[in-house]
Protein backbone atom coordinates (compact mmCIF):
# COMPACT_ATOMS: atom_id res chain seq x y z
CA MET A 1 73.37 105.27 122.32
CA ASN A 2 70.14 103.57 123.36
CA ASP A 3 70.74 100.18 121.76
CA GLN A 4 73.77 98.60 123.41
CA THR A 5 73.62 95.35 121.49
CA GLY A 6 72.90 95.95 117.81
CA ILE A 7 71.46 92.42 117.51
CA SER A 8 67.95 91.15 116.84
CA PRO A 9 65.91 88.67 118.89
CA GLY A 10 66.89 85.07 118.11
CA LEU A 11 70.51 85.87 117.33
CA ALA A 12 73.37 84.95 119.63
CA PRO A 13 74.76 87.87 121.64
CA HIS A 14 78.11 89.41 120.87
CA GLY A 15 81.04 87.21 121.93
CA ALA A 16 78.68 84.28 122.48
CA ALA A 17 79.85 80.83 123.53
CA ASN A 18 76.75 79.09 122.17
CA LEU A 19 76.84 79.51 118.40
CA PRO A 20 74.60 77.85 115.77
CA SER A 21 76.97 74.99 114.88
CA VAL A 22 79.44 74.88 117.77
CA VAL A 23 80.05 75.64 121.41
CA LEU A 24 83.00 77.95 121.94
CA ASP A 25 84.96 76.38 124.80
CA SER A 26 87.60 79.12 125.09
CA TYR A 27 89.26 81.90 123.15
CA ASN A 28 91.78 84.70 123.49
CA LEU A 29 93.71 82.75 126.14
CA GLU A 30 96.79 84.57 127.44
CA VAL A 31 99.06 81.82 128.76
CA LYS A 32 102.21 83.09 130.48
CA ASP A 33 105.51 81.60 131.58
CA GLU A 34 108.79 83.11 132.80
CA GLU A 35 109.50 84.46 129.30
CA GLY A 36 106.13 86.19 128.84
CA PHE A 37 103.09 85.22 126.77
CA VAL A 38 103.53 81.68 125.46
CA GLY A 39 101.61 82.40 122.27
CA ASP A 40 104.12 85.06 121.24
CA ARG A 41 106.61 82.26 120.57
CA ALA A 42 104.55 81.14 117.57
CA SER A 43 103.67 84.50 116.04
CA ASN A 44 104.80 86.04 112.77
CA LYS A 45 107.07 88.33 114.78
CA ALA A 46 108.66 85.30 116.45
CA PHE A 47 109.34 83.72 113.05
CA ARG A 48 111.09 86.90 111.92
CA GLY A 49 113.09 86.96 115.13
CA LEU A 50 114.35 83.43 114.54
CA LEU A 51 115.22 84.34 110.96
CA GLU A 52 117.25 87.29 112.24
CA GLU A 53 119.14 85.09 114.71
CA LEU A 54 120.24 82.74 111.95
CA ARG A 55 121.37 85.62 109.75
CA LYS A 56 123.62 87.25 112.37
CA PRO A 57 126.55 84.77 112.18
CA HIS A 58 126.70 85.23 108.40
CA ARG A 59 126.94 89.00 108.74
CA LYS A 60 129.70 88.57 111.28
CA ASN A 61 131.71 86.16 109.13
CA GLY A 62 130.99 87.60 105.69
CA ALA A 63 128.07 88.45 103.46
CA ASP A 64 124.48 87.68 104.44
CA PRO A 65 123.02 85.32 101.80
CA LEU A 66 119.66 87.06 102.24
CA GLY A 67 121.11 90.51 101.51
CA ASP A 68 120.63 93.72 103.46
CA GLU A 69 116.83 93.69 103.72
CA PRO A 70 115.64 93.60 107.38
CA SER A 71 114.12 90.31 108.48
CA LEU A 72 110.82 91.98 109.34
CA GLU A 73 110.48 93.34 105.80
CA ILE A 74 111.34 90.26 103.73
CA SER A 75 108.15 89.16 101.99
CA LYS A 76 106.73 85.67 102.35
CA LYS A 77 106.99 85.29 98.56
CA LYS A 78 110.72 85.98 98.71
CA LEU A 79 111.21 83.47 101.51
CA ASP A 80 109.29 80.86 99.51
CA LYS A 81 111.41 81.59 96.44
CA LEU A 82 114.67 81.35 98.40
CA LEU A 83 113.58 78.02 99.85
CA ALA A 84 112.66 76.61 96.44
CA ASN A 85 115.52 77.73 94.24
CA GLY A 86 117.67 80.30 95.97
CA ASP A 87 121.32 80.26 97.01
CA LEU A 88 122.01 77.11 99.03
CA GLU A 89 123.05 78.99 102.18
CA ALA A 90 120.05 81.32 101.88
CA ALA A 91 117.76 78.31 101.53
CA GLY A 92 119.52 76.72 104.50
CA ILE A 93 118.78 79.77 106.65
CA VAL A 94 115.10 79.70 105.70
CA LEU A 95 114.93 75.95 106.29
CA GLY A 96 116.61 76.36 109.68
CA THR A 97 114.11 79.05 110.63
CA ILE A 98 111.24 76.74 109.71
CA GLU A 99 112.70 74.01 111.94
CA LYS A 100 113.16 76.31 114.92
CA PHE A 101 109.75 77.90 114.49
CA ALA A 102 108.05 74.50 114.14
CA ASN A 103 109.62 73.51 117.44
CA GLU A 104 108.19 76.65 119.07
CA LEU A 105 104.76 76.01 117.55
CA ALA A 106 104.78 72.43 118.83
CA PHE A 107 105.77 73.72 122.30
CA VAL A 108 102.89 76.22 122.32
CA ILE A 109 100.40 73.54 121.26
CA ARG A 110 101.60 71.22 124.03
CA ARG A 111 101.05 74.01 126.56
CA PHE A 112 97.56 74.72 125.26
CA MET A 113 96.66 71.03 125.35
CA LYS A 114 97.35 71.01 129.08
CA LEU A 115 94.65 73.62 129.67
CA LYS A 116 91.15 72.58 130.72
CA GLY A 117 89.53 74.36 127.78
CA TRP A 118 91.80 72.59 125.27
CA LYS A 119 91.85 69.08 126.72
CA ASP A 120 91.10 66.28 124.21
CA THR A 121 91.37 68.59 121.19
CA GLU A 122 91.46 66.34 118.13
CA ARG A 123 92.45 68.78 115.40
CA ILE A 124 93.85 72.30 115.10
CA ALA A 125 93.52 74.49 112.02
CA ILE A 126 96.34 76.98 111.64
CA GLY A 127 95.50 80.35 110.11
CA GLY A 128 96.89 83.87 110.14
CA GLY A 129 99.17 85.64 107.70
CA LEU A 130 102.14 83.29 108.01
CA ARG A 131 99.97 80.35 106.94
CA ASP A 132 99.65 82.00 103.52
CA SER A 133 103.08 80.79 102.36
CA ARG A 134 104.91 77.56 101.63
CA VAL A 135 107.24 78.44 104.48
CA GLY A 136 104.30 78.63 106.87
CA GLU A 137 102.77 75.40 105.57
CA LEU A 138 106.06 73.55 106.04
CA ALA A 139 106.33 74.87 109.60
CA ILE A 140 102.84 73.51 110.29
CA GLY A 141 103.73 70.14 108.78
CA ARG A 142 106.99 69.90 110.71
CA ALA A 143 105.26 70.79 113.98
CA ALA A 144 102.68 68.07 113.30
CA VAL A 145 105.46 65.51 112.87
CA MET A 146 107.17 66.68 116.08
CA LEU A 147 103.95 66.34 118.08
CA LYS A 148 103.33 62.80 116.84
CA GLU A 149 106.94 61.88 117.67
CA GLN A 150 106.18 63.06 121.20
CA ASP A 151 103.00 60.90 121.35
CA HIS A 152 100.57 63.79 120.96
CA ALA A 153 97.82 62.38 118.75
CA ILE A 154 96.57 65.63 117.28
CA ASP A 155 95.98 66.58 113.68
CA LEU A 156 97.39 69.92 112.45
CA ARG A 157 96.33 71.39 109.13
CA PRO A 158 96.48 74.77 107.39
CA ILE A 159 93.14 76.57 107.43
CA HIS A 160 91.24 75.81 104.20
CA TYR A 161 90.56 79.33 102.98
CA HIS A 162 93.09 82.06 102.34
CA PRO A 163 93.49 83.76 105.77
CA ASP A 164 92.21 87.07 104.36
CA GLU A 165 89.01 85.32 103.24
CA ALA A 166 88.64 83.00 106.25
CA GLY A 167 88.23 86.02 108.54
CA LEU A 168 85.22 87.07 106.44
CA ILE A 169 83.70 83.69 105.54
CA GLY A 170 83.62 82.60 109.18
CA ALA A 171 81.06 85.35 109.89
CA ILE A 172 78.41 83.19 108.19
CA HIS A 173 78.53 80.88 111.20
CA LEU A 174 77.69 83.67 113.62
CA ALA A 175 74.13 83.72 112.28
CA PRO A 176 71.43 81.01 112.40
CA ALA A 177 70.40 79.27 109.17
CA TRP A 178 67.00 81.00 109.04
CA MET A 179 68.76 84.32 108.56
CA PHE A 180 69.80 83.26 105.04
CA SER A 181 66.37 82.22 103.79
CA GLY A 182 65.78 84.03 100.50
CA HIS A 183 69.19 85.69 100.60
CA ASP A 184 72.49 85.07 98.83
CA GLY A 185 75.00 86.34 101.36
CA ILE A 186 76.04 88.76 104.08
CA ILE A 187 78.37 91.64 104.79
CA ALA A 188 81.40 90.62 106.87
CA VAL A 189 84.18 92.64 108.51
CA ASP A 190 87.62 91.55 109.71
CA ILE A 191 89.31 94.19 111.88
CA GLY A 192 93.02 93.75 112.53
CA GLY A 193 95.90 95.68 113.99
CA THR A 194 97.21 96.53 110.51
CA ASN A 195 94.26 96.20 108.14
CA ILE A 196 90.48 96.40 108.06
CA ARG A 197 88.83 94.12 105.54
CA SER A 198 85.17 94.06 104.63
CA GLY A 199 83.48 91.92 102.04
CA VAL A 200 80.33 90.42 100.58
CA VAL A 201 80.29 86.72 101.42
CA CYS A 202 78.03 84.49 99.33
CA THR A 203 76.84 81.43 101.22
CA ASN A 204 76.20 79.28 98.11
CA LEU A 205 73.88 77.11 100.18
CA LYS A 206 72.28 75.70 97.03
CA LYS A 207 75.65 74.12 96.22
CA ALA A 208 76.33 72.92 99.77
CA GLN A 209 74.01 73.24 102.77
CA ASP A 210 76.96 73.23 105.18
CA ALA A 211 78.39 76.41 103.58
CA SER A 212 81.53 74.57 102.47
CA GLN A 213 81.22 76.33 99.10
CA ALA A 214 80.96 79.83 100.57
CA GLU A 215 83.09 82.45 98.87
CA VAL A 216 83.98 86.12 99.04
CA ALA A 217 82.31 87.78 96.04
CA PHE A 218 84.30 90.99 96.48
CA PHE A 219 86.00 92.83 99.31
CA ASP A 220 87.68 96.06 100.29
CA LEU A 221 90.96 96.40 102.18
CA TRP A 222 92.23 99.40 104.09
CA ARG A 223 95.71 99.36 105.62
CA HIS A 224 94.85 101.72 108.46
CA ARG A 225 98.25 101.45 110.14
CA ASP A 226 99.74 103.49 107.26
CA ASP A 227 97.19 106.30 107.70
CA LYS A 228 97.25 106.39 111.52
CA PRO A 229 93.58 107.46 111.87
CA THR A 230 91.75 108.35 115.05
CA ARG A 231 89.17 105.86 116.29
CA GLU A 232 86.37 108.02 114.92
CA GLU A 233 88.06 108.33 111.52
CA ALA A 234 88.49 104.55 111.41
CA VAL A 235 84.79 103.99 112.07
CA GLU A 236 83.82 106.56 109.42
CA ARG A 237 86.04 104.83 106.86
CA LEU A 238 84.59 101.44 107.77
CA ILE A 239 81.05 102.77 107.28
CA GLU A 240 82.02 104.05 103.83
CA MET A 241 83.44 100.62 102.97
CA LEU A 242 80.22 98.91 104.05
CA GLU A 243 78.01 101.30 102.12
CA ASP A 244 80.09 100.72 98.98
CA LEU A 245 79.79 96.95 99.39
CA ILE A 246 76.02 97.11 99.83
CA ALA A 247 75.78 99.17 96.65
CA LYS A 248 78.00 96.68 94.75
CA ALA A 249 75.89 93.76 95.95
CA LYS A 250 72.74 95.45 94.69
CA LYS A 251 74.39 96.23 91.34
CA ASN A 252 75.40 92.57 90.99
CA ASP A 253 71.95 91.24 92.02
CA ILE A 254 73.27 89.69 95.23
CA GLN A 255 70.46 89.60 97.78
CA LEU A 256 72.00 90.44 101.14
CA ALA A 257 70.64 89.17 104.43
CA PRO A 258 70.20 92.03 106.92
CA PHE A 259 73.25 90.92 108.87
CA ILE A 260 76.78 92.21 109.45
CA GLY A 261 79.24 89.82 111.12
CA ILE A 262 82.39 91.36 112.57
CA GLY A 263 85.65 89.84 113.79
CA CYS A 264 87.72 92.08 116.07
CA PRO A 265 90.77 91.52 118.31
CA GLY A 266 90.19 91.12 122.01
CA LEU A 267 87.77 89.74 124.54
CA ILE A 268 84.23 90.62 123.45
CA ASN A 269 81.52 91.20 126.05
CA ASP A 270 77.94 90.11 125.37
CA ASP A 271 76.83 93.75 125.17
CA GLY A 272 79.23 94.38 122.28
CA THR A 273 81.91 96.25 124.22
CA ILE A 274 85.53 95.13 124.12
CA GLU A 275 87.04 94.22 127.48
CA ARG A 276 90.71 93.97 126.48
CA GLY A 277 93.08 92.99 123.68
CA SER A 278 92.34 95.79 121.20
CA GLN A 279 95.49 97.81 121.91
CA ASN A 280 96.72 97.60 118.30
CA LEU A 281 93.59 99.29 116.92
CA PRO A 282 93.31 103.04 116.26
CA GLY A 283 92.46 104.78 119.53
CA ASN A 284 90.81 103.22 122.57
CA TRP A 285 88.33 100.57 121.43
CA ALA A 286 88.07 99.15 124.96
CA SER A 287 86.42 102.30 126.30
CA SER A 288 83.03 101.69 127.93
CA LYS A 289 81.78 104.70 125.96
CA PHE A 290 82.67 103.11 122.60
CA HIS A 291 80.20 100.68 121.05
CA LEU A 292 80.97 99.73 117.45
CA PRO A 293 77.75 97.75 116.73
CA THR A 294 75.58 100.72 117.69
CA LEU A 295 77.62 103.15 115.58
CA LEU A 296 77.33 100.87 112.54
CA LYS A 297 73.63 100.25 113.05
CA GLU A 298 72.96 103.97 113.32
CA ALA A 299 74.77 104.49 110.00
CA ILE A 300 73.23 101.43 108.28
CA PRO A 301 69.83 100.89 109.97
CA LYS A 302 68.48 98.66 107.18
CA ILE A 303 69.74 96.28 104.50
CA GLU A 304 67.37 95.30 101.68
CA GLY A 305 64.53 96.97 103.61
CA TYR A 306 65.02 94.91 106.78
CA GLU A 307 66.45 96.01 110.12
CA THR A 308 70.19 95.41 110.28
CA ALA A 309 71.44 92.86 112.81
CA ILE A 310 75.08 93.04 113.86
CA VAL A 311 77.15 90.47 115.77
CA LEU A 312 80.67 91.20 117.01
CA HIS A 313 83.07 88.43 118.00
CA ASN A 314 86.79 87.81 118.40
CA ASP A 315 88.71 87.72 115.11
CA ALA A 316 90.39 84.36 115.76
CA VAL A 317 87.00 82.87 116.61
CA VAL A 318 85.53 84.13 113.34
CA GLN A 319 88.49 82.89 111.31
CA GLY A 320 88.15 79.53 113.02
CA LEU A 321 84.43 79.34 112.24
CA SER A 322 85.28 79.20 108.54
CA GLU A 323 86.44 75.62 109.28
CA VAL A 324 83.05 74.44 110.60
CA PRO A 325 82.11 72.62 107.35
CA PHE A 326 85.42 70.72 107.39
CA MET A 327 85.26 69.48 110.99
CA HIS A 328 82.29 67.10 110.79
CA ASP A 329 84.51 64.09 111.49
CA VAL A 330 85.73 65.29 114.90
CA THR A 331 84.11 66.48 118.12
CA SER A 332 86.54 69.01 119.58
CA TRP A 333 88.85 71.19 117.54
CA GLY A 334 90.67 74.49 117.67
CA VAL A 335 92.24 77.25 115.64
CA LEU A 336 95.51 79.14 116.06
CA THR A 337 96.14 82.27 113.97
CA MET A 338 99.77 83.24 113.43
CA GLY A 339 99.69 87.00 113.10
CA THR A 340 100.94 89.91 115.20
CA GLY A 341 100.28 87.60 118.14
CA LEU A 342 98.83 84.10 118.30
CA GLY A 343 95.04 84.15 118.19
CA ASN A 344 93.35 81.08 119.59
CA ALA A 345 89.93 79.47 119.95
CA ARG A 346 88.65 75.99 120.86
CA PHE A 347 85.29 74.59 119.70
CA THR A 348 83.05 71.58 120.29
CA ASN A 349 80.67 70.58 117.52
CA ARG A 350 76.99 70.43 118.43
CA GLN A 351 76.50 67.33 116.27
CA LYS A 352 78.35 64.05 116.69
CA PRO A 353 81.14 63.24 114.18
CA ALA A 354 79.92 62.02 110.80
CA LYS A 355 80.34 58.28 110.23
CA THR A 356 82.95 57.26 107.65
């Protein structure tokens, strides 16, 4: 592999701190205390653990209002339904879980705010799978109230886009504005420990120059955890997904910029290798001999007749970048993604807050 970057001159390197609209102050922080990683206390797994704790006394003293389904397998839709119009005790269990989880989320945010890279953060957008539910939204709202009661003047809000789309739309902000001249959109990839998503993201810059009207035109989803592929098989499948998307874009008269933006778990080096944090992906993605951008560029050397540029960054960073158009009124802001773990990133806008 001769090209160990996969990027073109003028583009930010992989895992860059200096991005077109923001400076990335920190990401992928692994804060520890005596109980382990602090972020794990505000993950989807932690929420399910709290739910299980509240169900145990009911099993011991009679029937479980939530039934026999394991806490890890109860869908977010079911939890939302139980909260809205389910059995009163079942709703009480869900409500109690929200309260306990909100307390954990507020604790984690307080710990992050003590860190140098997170000092003076004005707003935090909360993303990740759990955000895509009324239960998750209420936990965010309750944590916001708790923080204000404790004199922490910080604004919490659910991420604007659906989490599945935010991880793709954020890739727009990995590329400079000139990249989109004469083009309608890009190819974006969101690699996770359970799924790989890829999609065509239309910038819609004619509607809004700040990309606040960006949308996913169409996407493909592969739940790789079910198939248990090797690393090489995963890359081959991803290439097939990208080729299909490029063909669909052409069929639908969507002019693609020659750019692929990728979000991936872990700490991303500027040469496009992954230092650590990719342990949930198929095979060893942190190997110095593995370079995803080069493999993709070899398979897709050109898009619309132009040389393909590829930028790889952390998945929480990319999801957070989808919020850039909605953060003009603050200077420093962050994102937390409630998934398998707690992804995190903190940004400072390059421009001063807009006057109101």
